[in-house]
Amino acid sequence: MANPSDELIQLCRVAVEAETAATSEPYTKEGWAPWLAAAETFQRAVTAEAEATETDRGKLEQAVKKAVLWPEPAER
């Protein structure tokens, strides 16, 4: 499994939060703009990190989304 950077995980969180905000209201171009910008930033960062670390891009993105959307429970 790929090992994404903390920065990449944070960018994904920002995109997910922007998506939640955008989809909680009726569609407007202005309302969705932050989500689209955050998603584009995240996708560019995934590509850059995959190239820099010679990691499969798809596996890296999958690892990031798993960490953000389905985090492992904290150990006690």
Protein backbone atom coordinates (compact mmCIF):
# COMPACT_ATOMS: atom_id res chain seq x y z
CA MET A 1 0.00 0.00 0.00
CA ALA A 2 1.23 3.48 -0.82
CA ASN A 3 2.30 5.78 2.00
CA PRO A 4 0.88 9.27 1.34
CA SER A 5 2.35 12.40 2.89
CA ASP A 6 0.56 14.36 5.61
CA GLU A 7 0.28 17.27 3.16
CA LEU A 8 -1.57 15.09 0.65
CA ILE A 9 -3.94 13.84 3.34
CA GLN A 10 -4.63 17.42 4.41
CA LEU A 11 -5.35 18.49 0.81
CA CYS A 12 -7.82 15.63 0.49
CA ARG A 13 -9.54 16.66 3.73
CA VAL A 14 -9.89 20.20 2.42
CA ALA A 15 -11.45 18.88 -0.81
CA VAL A 16 -13.86 16.62 1.09
CA GLU A 17 -14.90 19.48 3.38
CA ALA A 18 -15.41 21.75 0.38
CA GLU A 19 -17.52 19.06 -1.30
CA THR A 20 -19.69 18.73 1.80
CA ALA A 21 -20.22 22.49 1.92
CA ALA A 22 -20.95 22.74 -1.81
CA THR A 23 -23.44 19.90 -1.89
CA SER A 24 -25.29 21.04 1.22
CA GLU A 25 -26.81 23.94 -0.74
CA PRO A 26 -28.52 24.19 -4.13
CA TYR A 27 -26.03 24.31 -6.99
CA THR A 28 -24.48 27.59 -7.97
CA LYS A 29 -21.29 28.09 -9.92
CA GLU A 30 -19.91 30.28 -7.12
CA GLY A 31 -20.94 27.79 -4.45
CA TRP A 32 -19.13 24.91 -6.13
CA ALA A 33 -16.01 26.87 -7.10
CA PRO A 34 -14.13 26.22 -3.82
CA TRP A 35 -14.78 22.49 -4.10
CA LEU A 36 -13.63 22.32 -7.72
CA ALA A 37 -10.50 24.32 -6.90
CA ALA A 38 -9.69 22.13 -3.88
CA ALA A 39 -10.27 18.95 -5.89
CA GLU A 40 -7.99 20.19 -8.68
CA THR A 41 -5.28 21.11 -6.17
CA PHE A 42 -5.54 17.67 -4.59
CA GLN A 43 -5.37 15.86 -7.95
CA ARG A 44 -2.31 17.85 -9.04
CA ALA A 45 -0.62 17.09 -5.71
CA VAL A 46 -1.36 13.36 -6.06
CA THR A 47 0.24 13.36 -9.50
CA ALA A 48 3.29 15.30 -8.30
CA GLU A 49 3.82 13.09 -5.26
CA ALA A 50 3.36 9.90 -7.28
CA GLU A 51 5.96 11.05 -9.77
CA ALA A 52 8.38 12.23 -7.06
CA THR A 53 8.15 8.97 -5.11
CA GLU A 54 7.78 6.69 -8.13
CA THR A 55 4.51 5.39 -6.68
CA ASP A 56 1.54 4.20 -8.70
CA ARG A 57 -0.74 7.24 -8.89
CA GLY A 58 -3.96 5.26 -8.50
CA LYS A 59 -2.69 3.39 -5.46
CA LEU A 60 -1.49 6.63 -3.88
CA GLU A 61 -4.86 8.33 -4.39
CA GLN A 62 -6.64 5.26 -3.04
CA ALA A 63 -4.44 5.26 0.09
CA VAL A 64 -5.12 8.95 0.70
CA LYS A 65 -8.88 8.59 0.32
CA LYS A 66 -8.90 5.53 2.58
CA ALA A 67 -7.01 7.47 5.25
CA VAL A 68 -9.38 10.43 5.00
CA LEU A 69 -12.74 8.73 4.45
CA TRP A 70 -12.22 5.55 6.46
CA PRO A 71 -9.50 6.23 9.04
CA GLU A 72 -8.18 3.45 11.20
CA PRO A 73 -9.54 3.56 14.77
CA ALA A 74 -7.12 5.12 17.23
CA GLU A 75 -5.24 2.68 19.43
CA ARG A 76 -5.95 2.89 23.12
